[in-house]
Amino acid sequence: MSEKQIIVVQGPTASGKTGLAIALAQHYQTEIISFDSRQFYKELSVGVARPSTAELAAVKQHLIACRSIHQPLNAKSFVEQAQPILAQLLKEKGSVVLVGGSALFADALILGLDPLPHDPVVQAKWQRVFDTAGLRALQVALAQKDPDFYQQIDTMNPTRLMRALEINELTGQSNVSLRKGSRQDPSNVVRIFIDWPRANLYERINLRVDQMLAEGLEQEVRMFFPDQAHLQALQTVGYREFFDFFEGKMSREEAVEKVKQHTRNYAKRQLTWLARYQQIIALDPKAAPDLLQSALVKIG
């Protein structure tokens, strides 16, 4: 491996990113920076699949449970926090492992922030749409105005939907063409993902949701029910569906199935995002002798 290497473990939810990242960090005797936008918040645990106590103890992991849901973290703020940590780790350790499912945040850190326009009047317009007509209205609008980006974005996240609609309205262009995701990575960056067959990945997702339920997902969501309308961090898969159940909009069984369905949809969008990269290493999850050794061979 070359000096000052940045190894990025990304890809769909439930694919095994955390375990591989920990193994890589232990091998290279370094630390991990998380770019999972849902795991930043200390109040959220079960519903965001935060690494277990044992996993957190195995390797130092930065930017997990680092702030309150009352202080949302956008890509710009993430870069401001992560950049000094990244620089320090590269200086002291010679390498660093990044891991997470929010590729937009990883790209902002590695490729730089996109100089995208902002207009508070247009922003307020789409905020009013959300406040009066709800999430579905934002989804329909973006699917009509920017269908290519709609296939990549987390459609359960109203903040990102509103921002995408704002950019599209101001530029008249697709968000896809305006973002730098297709730009070539610096030479010291290696991106990898665990390439599960789609059927196996969806099975893992369904099992992940069942495990979350056993660990108390419903109880965790219920704690935030009184505040759900005021906190953007709660407008996400695993929480919104149970809020609908608590409001009597669907049965518990329907809510559970919606969590699984929406998580599978999110994973599909994460996979779509991977196609933006000119170079990314696909790892066979059943590689011999094990996934770590397979990754080390590919990293070189």
C-alpha atoms as a PDB file:
ATOM      1  CA  MET A   1       0.000   0.000   0.000  1.00  0.00           C
ATOM      2  CA  SER A   2       1.303   3.470  -0.862  1.00  0.00           C
ATOM      3  CA  GLU A   3       1.986   6.084   1.788  1.00  0.00           C
ATOM      4  CA  LYS A   4      -0.780   8.324   3.134  1.00  0.00           C
ATOM      5  CA  GLN A   5      -3.491   5.974   1.925  1.00  0.00           C
ATOM      6  CA  ILE A   6      -7.201   6.653   2.371  1.00  0.00           C
ATOM      7  CA  ILE A   7      -9.328   3.489   2.197  1.00  0.00           C
ATOM      8  CA  VAL A   8     -13.036   4.154   1.693  1.00  0.00           C
ATOM      9  CA  VAL A   9     -15.429   1.320   2.578  1.00  0.00           C
ATOM     10  CA  GLN A  10     -18.829   2.236   1.201  1.00  0.00           C
ATOM     11  CA  GLY A  11     -21.850   0.736  -0.470  1.00  0.00           C
ATOM     12  CA  PRO A  12     -25.314  -0.382   0.560  1.00  0.00           C
ATOM     13  CA  THR A  13     -26.682  -0.739   4.052  1.00  0.00           C
ATOM     14  CA  ALA A  14     -26.373  -4.186   5.701  1.00  0.00           C
ATOM     15  CA  SER A  15     -23.533  -5.216   3.391  1.00  0.00           C
ATOM     16  CA  GLY A  16     -20.984  -5.616   6.202  1.00  0.00           C
ATOM     17  CA  LYS A  17     -19.094  -2.329   5.881  1.00  0.00           C
ATOM     18  CA  THR A  18     -18.407  -1.858   9.591  1.00  0.00           C
ATOM     19  CA  GLY A  19     -16.831  -5.270  10.132  1.00  0.00           C
ATOM     20  CA  LEU A  20     -14.564  -4.893   7.114  1.00  0.00           C
ATOM     21  CA  ALA A  21     -13.567  -1.353   8.081  1.00  0.00           C
ATOM     22  CA  ILE A  22     -12.606  -2.478  11.574  1.00  0.00           C
ATOM     23  CA  ALA A  23     -10.533  -5.353  10.201  1.00  0.00           C
ATOM     24  CA  LEU A  24      -8.739  -3.009   7.794  1.00  0.00           C
ATOM     25  CA  ALA A  25      -8.087  -0.411  10.494  1.00  0.00           C
ATOM     26  CA  GLN A  26      -6.641  -3.081  12.774  1.00  0.00           C
ATOM     27  CA  HIS A  27      -4.445  -4.407   9.976  1.00  0.00           C
ATOM     28  CA  TYR A  28      -3.046  -0.979   9.132  1.00  0.00           C
ATOM     29  CA  GLN A  29      -2.961   0.080  12.798  1.00  0.00           C
ATOM     30  CA  THR A  30      -5.013   3.171  12.188  1.00  0.00           C
ATOM     31  CA  GLU A  31      -8.431   4.608  13.027  1.00  0.00           C
ATOM     32  CA  ILE A  32     -11.823   5.039  11.352  1.00  0.00           C
ATOM     33  CA  ILE A  33     -13.769   8.126  10.328  1.00  0.00           C
ATOM     34  CA  SER A  34     -17.486   7.486   9.858  1.00  0.00           C
ATOM     35  CA  PHE A  35     -19.398   9.234   7.082  1.00  0.00           C
ATOM     36  CA  ASP A  36     -22.762   7.755   7.982  1.00  0.00           C
ATOM     37  CA  SER A  37     -25.045  10.770   8.246  1.00  0.00           C
ATOM     38  CA  ARG A  38     -27.503   8.934  10.502  1.00  0.00           C
ATOM     39  CA  GLN A  39     -24.901   7.745  13.011  1.00  0.00           C
ATOM     40  CA  PHE A  40     -23.667  11.261  13.828  1.00  0.00           C
ATOM     41  CA  TYR A  41     -26.450  11.729  16.374  1.00  0.00           C
ATOM     42  CA  LYS A  42     -25.952  10.510  19.920  1.00  0.00           C
ATOM     43  CA  GLU A  43     -29.683  10.110  20.613  1.00  0.00           C
ATOM     44  CA  LEU A  44     -30.108   7.567  17.792  1.00  0.00           C
ATOM     45  CA  SER A  45     -28.791   4.047  18.167  1.00  0.00           C
ATOM     46  CA  VAL A  46     -30.938   1.069  17.180  1.00  0.00           C
ATOM     47  CA  GLY A  47     -32.641   2.660  14.185  1.00  0.00           C
ATOM     48  CA  VAL A  48     -29.358   3.797  12.613  1.00  0.00           C
ATOM     49  CA  ALA A  49     -27.510   0.515  13.225  1.00  0.00           C
ATOM     50  CA  ARG A  50     -24.818   2.200  15.292  1.00  0.00           C
ATOM     51  CA  PRO A  51     -21.780  -0.085  15.743  1.00  0.00           C
ATOM     52  CA  SER A  52     -22.016  -2.264  18.827  1.00  0.00           C
ATOM     53  CA  THR A  53     -20.114  -1.568  22.032  1.00  0.00           C
ATOM     54  CA  ALA A  54     -17.629  -4.288  21.085  1.00  0.00           C
ATOM     55  CA  GLU A  55     -17.146  -2.827  17.605  1.00  0.00           C
ATOM     56  CA  LEU A  56     -16.602   0.652  18.995  1.00  0.00           C
ATOM     57  CA  ALA A  57     -14.055  -0.724  21.448  1.00  0.00           C
ATOM     58  CA  ALA A  58     -12.142  -2.644  18.770  1.00  0.00           C
ATOM     59  CA  VAL A  59     -10.920   0.458  16.905  1.00  0.00           C
ATOM     60  CA  LYS A  60     -11.260   4.170  17.572  1.00  0.00           C
ATOM     61  CA  GLN A  61     -14.073   5.479  15.375  1.00  0.00           C
ATOM     62  CA  HIS A  62     -14.569   9.203  14.864  1.00  0.00           C
ATOM     63  CA  LEU A  63     -17.813  11.127  14.255  1.00  0.00           C
ATOM     64  CA  ILE A  64     -20.162   8.493  15.655  1.00  0.00           C
ATOM     65  CA  ALA A  65     -22.671   9.827  18.209  1.00  0.00           C
ATOM     66  CA  CYS A  66     -20.756  13.107  18.071  1.00  0.00           C
ATOM     67  CA  ARG A  67     -23.626  15.595  18.206  1.00  0.00           C
ATOM     68  CA  SER A  68     -27.293  16.065  19.096  1.00  0.00           C
ATOM     69  CA  ILE A  69     -30.187  15.639  16.696  1.00  0.00           C
ATOM     70  CA  HIS A  70     -31.013  19.241  17.618  1.00  0.00           C
ATOM     71  CA  GLN A  71     -27.849  20.246  15.706  1.00  0.00           C
ATOM     72  CA  PRO A  72     -28.172  18.731  12.194  1.00  0.00           C
ATOM     73  CA  LEU A  73     -24.920  18.085  10.351  1.00  0.00           C
ATOM     74  CA  ASN A  74     -24.788  18.938   6.641  1.00  0.00           C
ATOM     75  CA  ALA A  75     -21.994  18.084   4.208  1.00  0.00           C
ATOM     76  CA  LYS A  76     -20.178  21.364   4.762  1.00  0.00           C
ATOM     77  CA  SER A  77     -20.180  20.987   8.542  1.00  0.00           C
ATOM     78  CA  PHE A  78     -19.099  17.362   8.199  1.00  0.00           C
ATOM     79  CA  VAL A  79     -16.073  18.350   6.121  1.00  0.00           C
ATOM     80  CA  GLU A  80     -15.160  21.039   8.639  1.00  0.00           C
ATOM     81  CA  GLN A  81     -15.140  18.427  11.404  1.00  0.00           C
ATOM     82  CA  ALA A  82     -13.654  15.528   9.480  1.00  0.00           C
ATOM     83  CA  GLN A  83     -10.856  17.281   7.586  1.00  0.00           C
ATOM     84  CA  PRO A  84      -8.625  18.008  10.619  1.00  0.00           C
ATOM     85  CA  ILE A  85      -9.095  14.444  11.876  1.00  0.00           C
ATOM     86  CA  LEU A  86      -8.227  13.031   8.456  1.00  0.00           C
ATOM     87  CA  ALA A  87      -5.108  15.180   8.178  1.00  0.00           C
ATOM     88  CA  GLN A  88      -3.938  14.251  11.680  1.00  0.00           C
ATOM     89  CA  LEU A  89      -4.457  10.518  11.131  1.00  0.00           C
ATOM     90  CA  LEU A  90      -2.611  10.571   7.810  1.00  0.00           C
ATOM     91  CA  LYS A  91       0.259  12.400   9.499  1.00  0.00           C
ATOM     92  CA  GLU A  92       0.434  10.109  12.541  1.00  0.00           C
ATOM     93  CA  LYS A  93      -0.697   6.752  11.129  1.00  0.00           C
ATOM     94  CA  GLY A  94       0.082   7.017   7.424  1.00  0.00           C
ATOM     95  CA  SER A  95      -3.375   5.719   6.521  1.00  0.00           C
ATOM     96  CA  VAL A  96      -7.002   6.050   7.514  1.00  0.00           C
ATOM     97  CA  VAL A  97     -10.198   4.074   6.907  1.00  0.00           C
ATOM     98  CA  LEU A  98     -13.427   5.889   6.033  1.00  0.00           C
ATOM     99  CA  VAL A  99     -16.692   3.983   6.296  1.00  0.00           C
ATOM    100  CA  GLY A 100     -20.366   4.753   5.878  1.00  0.00           C
ATOM    101  CA  GLY A 101     -23.392   4.741   3.658  1.00  0.00           C
ATOM    102  CA  SER A 102     -23.696   8.474   2.959  1.00  0.00           C
ATOM    103  CA  ALA A 103     -21.551   8.761  -0.154  1.00  0.00           C
ATOM    104  CA  LEU A 104     -22.383  12.441  -0.547  1.00  0.00           C
ATOM    105  CA  PHE A 105     -20.496  13.171   2.673  1.00  0.00           C
ATOM    106  CA  ALA A 106     -17.505  11.032   1.704  1.00  0.00           C
ATOM    107  CA  ASP A 107     -17.307  12.732  -1.680  1.00  0.00           C
ATOM    108  CA  ALA A 108     -17.463  16.161  -0.061  1.00  0.00           C
ATOM    109  CA  LEU A 109     -14.467  15.225   2.098  1.00  0.00           C
ATOM    110  CA  ILE A 110     -12.422  13.561  -0.646  1.00  0.00           C
ATOM    111  CA  LEU A 111     -13.374  15.562  -3.744  1.00  0.00           C
ATOM    112  CA  GLY A 112     -14.343  18.866  -2.174  1.00  0.00           C
ATOM    113  CA  LEU A 113     -17.631  20.636  -1.797  1.00  0.00           C
ATOM    114  CA  ASP A 114     -19.558  21.475  -4.947  1.00  0.00           C
ATOM    115  CA  PRO A 115     -20.097  25.198  -5.589  1.00  0.00           C
ATOM    116  CA  LEU A 116     -23.860  24.829  -5.820  1.00  0.00           C
ATOM    117  CA  PRO A 117     -26.204  27.859  -5.746  1.00  0.00           C
ATOM    118  CA  HIS A 118     -28.434  28.812  -2.864  1.00  0.00           C
ATOM    119  CA  ASP A 119     -31.409  31.154  -2.653  1.00  0.00           C
ATOM    120  CA  PRO A 120     -33.249  31.489   0.679  1.00  0.00           C
ATOM    121  CA  VAL A 121     -36.475  32.436  -1.117  1.00  0.00           C
ATOM    122  CA  VAL A 122     -36.468  29.233  -3.184  1.00  0.00           C
ATOM    123  CA  GLN A 123     -35.394  27.229  -0.151  1.00  0.00           C
ATOM    124  CA  ALA A 124     -38.324  28.644   1.824  1.00  0.00           C
ATOM    125  CA  LYS A 125     -40.680  27.782  -1.035  1.00  0.00           C
ATOM    126  CA  TRP A 126     -39.809  24.085  -0.893  1.00  0.00           C
ATOM    127  CA  GLN A 127     -39.887  24.150   2.894  1.00  0.00           C
ATOM    128  CA  ARG A 128     -43.489  25.369   2.665  1.00  0.00           C
ATOM    129  CA  VAL A 129     -44.299  22.533   0.259  1.00  0.00           C
ATOM    130  CA  PHE A 130     -42.973  20.058   2.795  1.00  0.00           C
ATOM    131  CA  ASP A 131     -44.749  21.730   5.717  1.00  0.00           C
ATOM    132  CA  THR A 132     -48.114  21.805   3.937  1.00  0.00           C
ATOM    133  CA  ALA A 133     -48.075  18.759   1.643  1.00  0.00           C
ATOM    134  CA  GLY A 134     -45.513  16.471   3.251  1.00  0.00           C
ATOM    135  CA  LEU A 135     -42.713  14.228   2.083  1.00  0.00           C
ATOM    136  CA  ARG A 136     -44.655  12.668  -0.778  1.00  0.00           C
ATOM    137  CA  ALA A 137     -45.061  16.049  -2.492  1.00  0.00           C
ATOM    138  CA  LEU A 138     -41.275  16.537  -2.477  1.00  0.00           C
ATOM    139  CA  GLN A 139     -40.718  13.046  -3.846  1.00  0.00           C
ATOM    140  CA  VAL A 140     -43.185  13.562  -6.696  1.00  0.00           C
ATOM    141  CA  ALA A 141     -41.714  16.960  -7.556  1.00  0.00           C
ATOM    142  CA  LEU A 142     -38.115  15.722  -7.723  1.00  0.00           C
ATOM    143  CA  ALA A 143     -39.088  12.578  -9.649  1.00  0.00           C
ATOM    144  CA  GLN A 144     -40.685  14.831 -12.276  1.00  0.00           C
ATOM    145  CA  LYS A 145     -38.056  17.583 -12.386  1.00  0.00           C
ATOM    146  CA  ASP A 146     -34.838  15.591 -11.911  1.00  0.00           C
ATOM    147  CA  PRO A 147     -35.559  11.864 -12.442  1.00  0.00           C
ATOM    148  CA  ASP A 148     -31.884  10.893 -12.769  1.00  0.00           C
ATOM    149  CA  PHE A 149     -30.951  12.326  -9.370  1.00  0.00           C
ATOM    150  CA  TYR A 150     -34.156  10.944  -7.864  1.00  0.00           C
ATOM    151  CA  GLN A 151     -32.761   7.461  -8.543  1.00  0.00           C
ATOM    152  CA  GLN A 152     -29.682   8.239  -6.442  1.00  0.00           C
ATOM    153  CA  ILE A 153     -30.879  10.349  -3.534  1.00  0.00           C
ATOM    154  CA  ASP A 154     -32.292   9.130  -0.220  1.00  0.00           C
ATOM    155  CA  THR A 155     -35.928   9.867  -1.018  1.00  0.00           C
ATOM    156  CA  MET A 156     -36.941   9.543   2.639  1.00  0.00           C
ATOM    157  CA  ASN A 157     -34.772  12.528   3.605  1.00  0.00           C
ATOM    158  CA  PRO A 158     -36.768  15.762   3.167  1.00  0.00           C
ATOM    159  CA  THR A 159     -33.729  17.997   3.707  1.00  0.00           C
ATOM    160  CA  ARG A 160     -31.906  16.482   0.750  1.00  0.00           C
ATOM    161  CA  LEU A 161     -35.036  16.475  -1.381  1.00  0.00           C
ATOM    162  CA  MET A 162     -35.635  20.165  -0.721  1.00  0.00           C
ATOM    163  CA  ARG A 163     -32.003  21.023  -1.445  1.00  0.00           C
ATOM    164  CA  ALA A 164     -32.069  19.054  -4.701  1.00  0.00           C
ATOM    165  CA  LEU A 165     -35.265  20.818  -5.786  1.00  0.00           C
ATOM    166  CA  GLU A 166     -33.766  24.195  -4.904  1.00  0.00           C
ATOM    167  CA  ILE A 167     -30.642  23.514  -6.989  1.00  0.00           C
ATOM    168  CA  ASN A 168     -32.668  22.192  -9.906  1.00  0.00           C
ATOM    169  CA  GLU A 169     -34.927  25.256  -9.897  1.00  0.00           C
ATOM    170  CA  LEU A 170     -32.026  27.705  -9.699  1.00  0.00           C
ATOM    171  CA  THR A 171     -29.908  26.085 -12.419  1.00  0.00           C
ATOM    172  CA  GLY A 172     -32.412  24.349 -14.663  1.00  0.00           C
ATOM    173  CA  GLN A 173     -30.018  21.383 -14.654  1.00  0.00           C
ATOM    174  CA  SER A 174     -29.956  17.939 -13.112  1.00  0.00           C
ATOM    175  CA  ASN A 175     -28.152  17.624  -9.794  1.00  0.00           C
ATOM    176  CA  VAL A 176     -26.275  14.706 -11.334  1.00  0.00           C
ATOM    177  CA  SER A 177     -24.487  16.919 -13.867  1.00  0.00           C
ATOM    178  CA  LEU A 178     -23.643  19.538 -11.236  1.00  0.00           C
ATOM    179  CA  ARG A 179     -22.014  17.264  -8.689  1.00  0.00           C
ATOM    180  CA  LYS A 180     -18.433  16.053  -8.713  1.00  0.00           C
ATOM    181  CA  GLY A 181     -19.089  12.400  -7.948  1.00  0.00           C
ATOM    182  CA  SER A 182     -17.760  11.276 -11.328  1.00  0.00           C
ATOM    183  CA  ARG A 183     -14.462  13.167 -10.897  1.00  0.00           C
ATOM    184  CA  GLN A 184     -11.419  10.961 -10.516  1.00  0.00           C
ATOM    185  CA  ASP A 185     -10.251  10.347  -6.965  1.00  0.00           C
ATOM    186  CA  PRO A 186      -6.806  11.459  -5.788  1.00  0.00           C
ATOM    187  CA  SER A 187      -4.147   8.758  -6.269  1.00  0.00           C
ATOM    188  CA  ASN A 188      -4.022   7.961  -2.556  1.00  0.00           C
ATOM    189  CA  VAL A 189      -7.721   7.017  -2.351  1.00  0.00           C
ATOM    190  CA  VAL A 190      -8.931   3.427  -2.693  1.00  0.00           C
ATOM    191  CA  ARG A 191     -12.679   2.801  -2.718  1.00  0.00           C
ATOM    192  CA  ILE A 192     -14.085  -0.655  -2.037  1.00  0.00           C
ATOM    193  CA  PHE A 193     -17.513  -2.168  -1.532  1.00  0.00           C
ATOM    194  CA  ILE A 194     -18.850  -5.619  -0.720  1.00  0.00           C
ATOM    195  CA  ASP A 195     -20.655  -6.820  -3.820  1.00  0.00           C
ATOM    196  CA  TRP A 196     -23.494  -9.026  -2.617  1.00  0.00           C
ATOM    197  CA  PRO A 197     -25.903 -10.547  -5.145  1.00  0.00           C
ATOM    198  CA  ARG A 198     -29.048  -8.445  -4.962  1.00  0.00           C
ATOM    199  CA  ALA A 199     -31.208 -11.252  -3.508  1.00  0.00           C
ATOM    200  CA  ASN A 200     -28.664 -11.938  -0.747  1.00  0.00           C
ATOM    201  CA  LEU A 201     -28.368  -8.248   0.074  1.00  0.00           C
ATOM    202  CA  TYR A 202     -32.129  -7.870   0.395  1.00  0.00           C
ATOM    203  CA  GLU A 203     -32.253 -10.908   2.662  1.00  0.00           C
ATOM    204  CA  ARG A 204     -29.554  -9.347   4.854  1.00  0.00           C
ATOM    205  CA  ILE A 205     -31.555  -6.121   4.995  1.00  0.00           C
ATOM    206  CA  ASN A 206     -34.712  -7.938   6.084  1.00  0.00           C
ATOM    207  CA  LEU A 207     -32.754  -9.771   8.790  1.00  0.00           C
ATOM    208  CA  ARG A 208     -31.155  -6.481   9.884  1.00  0.00           C
ATOM    209  CA  VAL A 209     -34.599  -4.932  10.381  1.00  0.00           C
ATOM    210  CA  ASP A 210     -35.772  -7.987  12.348  1.00  0.00           C
ATOM    211  CA  GLN A 211     -32.700  -7.633  14.557  1.00  0.00           C
ATOM    212  CA  MET A 212     -33.413  -3.940  15.098  1.00  0.00           C
ATOM    213  CA  LEU A 213     -36.946  -4.771  16.186  1.00  0.00           C
ATOM    214  CA  ALA A 214     -35.602  -7.329  18.647  1.00  0.00           C
ATOM    215  CA  GLU A 215     -33.180  -4.716  20.004  1.00  0.00           C
ATOM    216  CA  GLY A 216     -35.951  -2.186  20.637  1.00  0.00           C
ATOM    217  CA  LEU A 217     -36.434  -0.146  17.465  1.00  0.00           C
ATOM    218  CA  GLU A 218     -40.108   0.524  18.147  1.00  0.00           C
ATOM    219  CA  GLN A 219     -39.373   1.707  21.681  1.00  0.00           C
ATOM    220  CA  GLU A 220     -36.591   3.985  20.462  1.00  0.00           C
ATOM    221  CA  VAL A 221     -38.818   5.595  17.836  1.00  0.00           C
ATOM    222  CA  ARG A 222     -41.654   6.076  20.338  1.00  0.00           C
ATOM    223  CA  MET A 223     -39.378   8.181  22.552  1.00  0.00           C
ATOM    224  CA  PHE A 224     -39.056  10.717  19.740  1.00  0.00           C
ATOM    225  CA  PHE A 225     -42.679  10.678  18.612  1.00  0.00           C
ATOM    226  CA  PRO A 226     -43.584  14.024  20.283  1.00  0.00           C
ATOM    227  CA  ASP A 227     -40.663  15.767  18.532  1.00  0.00           C
ATOM    228  CA  GLN A 228     -40.767  14.079  15.139  1.00  0.00           C
ATOM    229  CA  ALA A 229     -42.233  17.022  13.239  1.00  0.00           C
ATOM    230  CA  HIS A 230     -39.516  19.394  14.417  1.00  0.00           C
ATOM    231  CA  LEU A 231     -36.359  17.318  13.952  1.00  0.00           C
ATOM    232  CA  GLN A 232     -35.059  16.700  10.442  1.00  0.00           C
ATOM    233  CA  ALA A 233     -32.764  13.895  11.637  1.00  0.00           C
ATOM    234  CA  LEU A 234     -35.858  11.812  12.415  1.00  0.00           C
ATOM    235  CA  GLN A 235     -37.236  12.073   8.872  1.00  0.00           C
ATOM    236  CA  THR A 236     -35.522   8.888   7.799  1.00  0.00           C
ATOM    237  CA  VAL A 237     -36.083   5.199   7.144  1.00  0.00           C
ATOM    238  CA  GLY A 238     -36.945   3.212  10.241  1.00  0.00           C
ATOM    239  CA  TYR A 239     -38.426   6.171  12.055  1.00  0.00           C
ATOM    240  CA  ARG A 240     -40.970   7.696   9.690  1.00  0.00           C
ATOM    241  CA  GLU A 241     -42.746   4.376   9.172  1.00  0.00           C
ATOM    242  CA  PHE A 242     -43.288   3.868  12.897  1.00  0.00           C
ATOM    243  CA  PHE A 243     -44.423   7.471  13.293  1.00  0.00           C
ATOM    244  CA  ASP A 244     -47.130   6.647  10.738  1.00  0.00           C
ATOM    245  CA  PHE A 245     -48.054   3.557  12.786  1.00  0.00           C
ATOM    246  CA  PHE A 246     -48.268   5.602  15.990  1.00  0.00           C
ATOM    247  CA  GLU A 247     -50.522   8.088  14.184  1.00  0.00           C
ATOM    248  CA  GLY A 248     -52.836   5.277  13.091  1.00  0.00           C
ATOM    249  CA  LYS A 249     -52.014   5.597   9.393  1.00  0.00           C
ATOM    250  CA  MET A 250     -50.997   1.940   9.119  1.00  0.00           C
ATOM    251  CA  SER A 251     -50.771  -1.228  11.175  1.00  0.00           C
ATOM    252  CA  ARG A 252     -47.606  -2.315  12.960  1.00  0.00           C
ATOM    253  CA  GLU A 253     -47.168  -5.146  10.451  1.00  0.00           C
ATOM    254  CA  GLU A 254     -47.455  -2.670   7.583  1.00  0.00           C
ATOM    255  CA  ALA A 255     -44.923  -0.366   9.258  1.00  0.00           C
ATOM    256  CA  VAL A 256     -42.404  -3.193   9.604  1.00  0.00           C
ATOM    257  CA  GLU A 257     -42.822  -4.164   5.966  1.00  0.00           C
ATOM    258  CA  LYS A 258     -42.444  -0.518   4.926  1.00  0.00           C
ATOM    259  CA  VAL A 259     -39.192  -0.249   6.887  1.00  0.00           C
ATOM    260  CA  LYS A 260     -37.848  -3.276   5.031  1.00  0.00           C
ATOM    261  CA  GLN A 261     -39.101  -2.037   1.656  1.00  0.00           C
ATOM    262  CA  HIS A 262     -37.747   1.489   2.107  1.00  0.00           C
ATOM    263  CA  THR A 263     -34.417   0.162   3.342  1.00  0.00           C
ATOM    264  CA  ARG A 264     -34.145  -2.019   0.235  1.00  0.00           C
ATOM    265  CA  ASN A 265     -35.004   1.031  -1.887  1.00  0.00           C
ATOM    266  CA  TYR A 266     -32.303   3.028  -0.122  1.00  0.00           C
ATOM    267  CA  ALA A 267     -29.766   0.250  -0.720  1.00  0.00           C
ATOM    268  CA  LYS A 268     -30.638   0.277  -4.412  1.00  0.00           C
ATOM    269  CA  ARG A 269     -29.932   4.004  -4.560  1.00  0.00           C
ATOM    270  CA  GLN A 270     -26.637   3.501  -2.737  1.00  0.00           C
ATOM    271  CA  LEU A 271     -25.657   0.972  -5.385  1.00  0.00           C
ATOM    272  CA  THR A 272     -26.662   3.393  -8.140  1.00  0.00           C
ATOM    273  CA  TRP A 273     -24.349   6.012  -6.635  1.00  0.00           C
ATOM    274  CA  LEU A 274     -21.381   3.612  -6.904  1.00  0.00           C
ATOM    275  CA  ALA A 275     -21.609   3.798 -10.695  1.00  0.00           C
ATOM    276  CA  ARG A 276     -20.441   7.420 -10.470  1.00  0.00           C
ATOM    277  CA  TYR A 277     -16.884   6.403  -9.577  1.00  0.00           C
ATOM    278  CA  GLN A 278     -14.294   5.774 -12.253  1.00  0.00           C
ATOM    279  CA  GLN A 279     -12.480   3.277 -10.048  1.00  0.00           C
ATOM    280  CA  ILE A 280     -13.997   1.245  -7.235  1.00  0.00           C
ATOM    281  CA  ILE A 281     -13.107  -2.272  -6.133  1.00  0.00           C
ATOM    282  CA  ALA A 282     -15.922  -4.823  -5.851  1.00  0.00           C
ATOM    283  CA  LEU A 283     -15.227  -7.482  -3.229  1.00  0.00           C
ATOM    284  CA  ASP A 284     -16.745 -10.954  -3.326  1.00  0.00           C
ATOM    285  CA  PRO A 285     -18.346 -11.424   0.124  1.00  0.00           C
ATOM    286  CA  LYS A 286     -17.498 -15.147  -0.034  1.00  0.00           C
ATOM    287  CA  ALA A 287     -13.898 -14.663  -1.097  1.00  0.00           C
ATOM    288  CA  ALA A 288     -11.294 -17.132   0.129  1.00  0.00           C
ATOM    289  CA  PRO A 289      -9.660 -17.244   2.568  1.00  0.00           C
ATOM    290  CA  ASP A 290     -11.641 -14.285   3.912  1.00  0.00           C
ATOM    291  CA  LEU A 291     -12.898 -10.828   3.013  1.00  0.00           C
ATOM    292  CA  LEU A 292     -10.011  -8.986   4.673  1.00  0.00           C
ATOM    293  CA  GLN A 293      -7.346 -10.881   2.761  1.00  0.00           C
ATOM    294  CA  SER A 294      -9.284 -10.375  -0.448  1.00  0.00           C
ATOM    295  CA  ALA A 295      -9.415  -6.642   0.231  1.00  0.00           C
ATOM    296  CA  LEU A 296      -5.690  -6.457   1.035  1.00  0.00           C
ATOM    297  CA  VAL A 297      -4.801  -8.175  -2.225  1.00  0.00           C
ATOM    298  CA  LYS A 298      -6.977  -5.752  -4.197  1.00  0.00           C
ATOM    299  CA  ILE A 299      -5.655  -2.709  -2.341  1.00  0.00           C
ATOM    300  CA  GLY A 300      -2.098  -3.796  -3.056  1.00  0.00           C
END
